C-alpha atoms as a PDB file:
ATOM      1  CA  ILE A   1      15.826  -5.676 -11.985  1.00  0.00           C
ATOM      2  CA  ASP A   2      18.872  -3.962 -10.474  1.00  0.00           C
ATOM      3  CA  ASN A   3      18.379  -0.770 -12.493  1.00  0.00           C
ATOM      4  CA  PRO A   4      17.270   2.147 -10.241  1.00  0.00           C
ATOM      5  CA  ALA A   5      14.670   3.127 -12.854  1.00  0.00           C
ATOM      6  CA  CYS A   6      13.044  -0.303 -12.540  1.00  0.00           C
ATOM      7  CA  PHE A   7      13.071  -2.370  -9.358  1.00  0.00           C
ATOM      8  CA  ASP A   8      16.343  -0.999  -7.921  1.00  0.00           C
ATOM      9  CA  GLY A   9      17.379  -4.478  -6.799  1.00  0.00           C
ATOM     10  CA  ALA A  10      14.152  -5.133  -4.884  1.00  0.00           C
ATOM     11  CA  ALA A  11      13.331  -8.727  -4.025  1.00  0.00           C
ATOM     12  CA  ALA A  12       9.687  -7.955  -3.242  1.00  0.00           C
ATOM     13  CA  PHE A  13       7.058  -5.645  -4.680  1.00  0.00           C
ATOM     14  CA  ALA A  14       3.349  -5.087  -4.154  1.00  0.00           C
ATOM     15  CA  THR A  15       0.518  -3.031  -5.575  1.00  0.00           C
ATOM     16  CA  MET A  16      -2.772  -2.228  -3.862  1.00  0.00           C
ATOM     17  CA  ILE A  17      -5.692  -0.785  -5.808  1.00  0.00           C
ATOM     18  CA  LEU A  18      -8.704   0.695  -4.055  1.00  0.00           C
ATOM     19  CA  ALA A  19     -11.690   1.535  -6.266  1.00  0.00           C
ATOM     20  CA  PRO A  20     -14.063   3.038  -3.677  1.00  0.00           C
ATOM     21  CA  GLY A  21     -17.199   3.020  -5.812  1.00  0.00           C
ATOM     22  CA  THR A  22     -19.038   6.309  -5.445  1.00  0.00           C
ATOM     23  CA  ALA A  23     -16.530   7.757  -2.938  1.00  0.00           C
ATOM     24  CA  ASP A  24     -13.732  10.024  -4.124  1.00  0.00           C
ATOM     25  CA  PRO A  25     -10.440   8.099  -3.901  1.00  0.00           C
ATOM     26  CA  LYS A  26      -8.616  11.391  -3.269  1.00  0.00           C
ATOM     27  CA  GLN A  27     -10.008  11.381   0.258  1.00  0.00           C
ATOM     28  CA  PHE A  28      -7.791   8.353   1.025  1.00  0.00           C
ATOM     29  CA  ILE A  29      -4.539   9.599  -0.522  1.00  0.00           C
ATOM     30  CA  GLY A  30      -3.464  11.458   2.629  1.00  0.00           C
ATOM     31  CA  CYS A  31      -3.707   8.389   4.855  1.00  0.00           C
ATOM     32  CA  ALA A  32      -1.951   6.253   2.228  1.00  0.00           C
ATOM     33  CA  ARG A  33       0.951   8.688   2.003  1.00  0.00           C
ATOM     34  CA  ALA A  34       1.135   8.991   5.798  1.00  0.00           C
ATOM     35  CA  ALA A  35       1.282   5.197   6.111  1.00  0.00           C
ATOM     36  CA  HIS A  36       4.011   5.109   3.489  1.00  0.00           C
ATOM     37  CA  ALA A  37       5.999   7.824   5.255  1.00  0.00           C
ATOM     38  CA  SER A  38       5.890   5.988   8.578  1.00  0.00           C
ATOM     39  CA  ALA A  39       6.996   2.690   6.995  1.00  0.00           C
ATOM     40  CA  ALA A  40       9.481   3.949   4.391  1.00  0.00           C
ATOM     41  CA  GLY A  41      13.194   3.679   4.895  1.00  0.00           C
ATOM     42  CA  PRO A  42      16.289   2.552   3.044  1.00  0.00           C
ATOM     43  CA  GLU A  43      14.920  -1.006   2.815  1.00  0.00           C
ATOM     44  CA  LEU A  44      11.388  -0.020   1.725  1.00  0.00           C
ATOM     45  CA  LYS A  45      10.231   2.444  -0.916  1.00  0.00           C
ATOM     46  CA  ALA A  46       6.575   3.320  -1.352  1.00  0.00           C
ATOM     47  CA  GLY A  47       4.271   5.649  -3.235  1.00  0.00           C
ATOM     48  CA  ALA A  48       0.574   6.359  -3.698  1.00  0.00           C
ATOM     49  CA  THR A  49      -1.446   8.190  -6.326  1.00  0.00           C
ATOM     50  CA  VAL A  50      -4.975   8.449  -7.699  1.00  0.00           C
ATOM     51  CA  VAL A  51      -5.454   7.234 -11.267  1.00  0.00           C
ATOM     52  CA  GLY A  52      -8.752   6.916 -13.121  1.00  0.00           C
ATOM     53  CA  GLY A  53     -10.954   6.912 -10.026  1.00  0.00           C
ATOM     54  CA  ALA A  54      -8.787   4.483  -8.022  1.00  0.00           C
ATOM     55  CA  LEU A  55      -6.162   4.832  -5.332  1.00  0.00           C
ATOM     56  CA  VAL A  56      -2.995   2.983  -6.351  1.00  0.00           C
ATOM     57  CA  ALA A  57      -0.357   2.247  -3.700  1.00  0.00           C
ATOM     58  CA  ARG A  58       2.975   0.603  -4.521  1.00  0.00           C
ATOM     59  CA  TRP A  59       5.905  -0.799  -2.555  1.00  0.00           C
ATOM     60  CA  LEU A  60       9.417  -2.039  -3.349  1.00  0.00           C
ATOM     61  CA  ALA A  61      11.641  -3.728  -0.770  1.00  0.00           C
ATOM     62  CA  ARG A  62      14.829  -5.726  -0.539  1.00  0.00           C
ATOM     63  CA  ASP A  63      13.155  -7.905   2.103  1.00  0.00           C
ATOM     64  CA  ALA A  64       9.533  -9.063   1.955  1.00  0.00           C
ATOM     65  CA  MET A  65       8.724  -8.713   5.671  1.00  0.00           C
ATOM     66  CA  PRO A  66       8.789  -4.884   5.957  1.00  0.00           C
ATOM     67  CA  LEU A  67       6.759  -4.725   2.754  1.00  0.00           C
ATOM     68  CA  ARG A  68       4.192  -7.169   4.137  1.00  0.00           C
ATOM     69  CA  ARG A  69       3.841  -5.117   7.343  1.00  0.00           C
ATOM     70  CA  ALA A  70       3.443  -1.846   5.419  1.00  0.00           C
ATOM     71  CA  TYR A  71       0.886  -3.406   3.063  1.00  0.00           C
ATOM     72  CA  ALA A  72      -1.104  -4.852   5.980  1.00  0.00           C
ATOM     73  CA  ASP A  73      -1.082  -1.531   7.861  1.00  0.00           C
ATOM     74  CA  LEU A  74      -2.548   0.345   4.900  1.00  0.00           C
ATOM     75  CA  ALA A  75      -4.984  -2.440   4.023  1.00  0.00           C
ATOM     76  CA  CYS A  76      -6.342  -2.482   7.578  1.00  0.00           C
ATOM     77  CA  HIS A  77      -6.762   1.277   7.603  1.00  0.00           C
ATOM     78  CA  LEU A  78      -8.504   1.347   4.221  1.00  0.00           C
ATOM     79  CA  ARG A  79     -10.835  -1.525   5.165  1.00  0.00           C
ATOM     80  CA  GLY A  80     -12.154   0.658   7.956  1.00  0.00           C
ATOM     81  CA  ALA A  81     -12.046   4.038   6.257  1.00  0.00           C
ATOM     82  CA  ALA A  82     -13.345   3.088   2.810  1.00  0.00           C
ATOM     83  CA  MET A  83     -15.518   0.040   3.456  1.00  0.00           C
ATOM     84  CA  GLY A  84     -16.599   0.288   7.090  1.00  0.00           C
ATOM     85  CA  LEU A  85     -15.134  -3.146   7.829  1.00  0.00           C
ATOM     86  CA  PRO A  86     -13.106  -4.088  10.909  1.00  0.00           C
ATOM     87  CA  ARG A  87      -9.547  -2.740  10.763  1.00  0.00           C
ATOM     88  CA  GLN A  88      -7.960  -6.155  10.458  1.00  0.00           C
ATOM     89  CA  MET A  89      -6.675  -8.289   7.637  1.00  0.00           C
ATOM     90  CA  PRO A  90      -9.136 -10.798   6.180  1.00  0.00           C
ATOM     91  CA  ARG A  91      -8.816 -14.303   7.594  1.00  0.00           C
ATOM     92  CA  VAL A  92      -7.380 -15.630   4.340  1.00  0.00           C
ATOM     93  CA  TRP A  93      -4.337 -13.357   4.828  1.00  0.00           C
ATOM     94  CA  HIS A  94      -3.282 -15.493   7.806  1.00  0.00           C
ATOM     95  CA  VAL A  95      -3.212 -18.821   5.941  1.00  0.00           C
END
């Protein structure tokens, strides 16, 4: 877990996969990378790519709270942009 080629000592990690149905997932890669750039820092590493018709976003962090905020920011944006839903986390997220 401490190896830089693996988790680089991260205590928290997350993956988000968006399979936008008939939409091209490449249209969301720019906003995912912009969200990552605004949240990234020495305590949080992030990346996004398109694989097999899906947008895949990943995070690694030494502390879970910055990761949770970055995940929520992108999830809210993608809910609105890809699904036309309100730009807020689902109610279950707040349990």
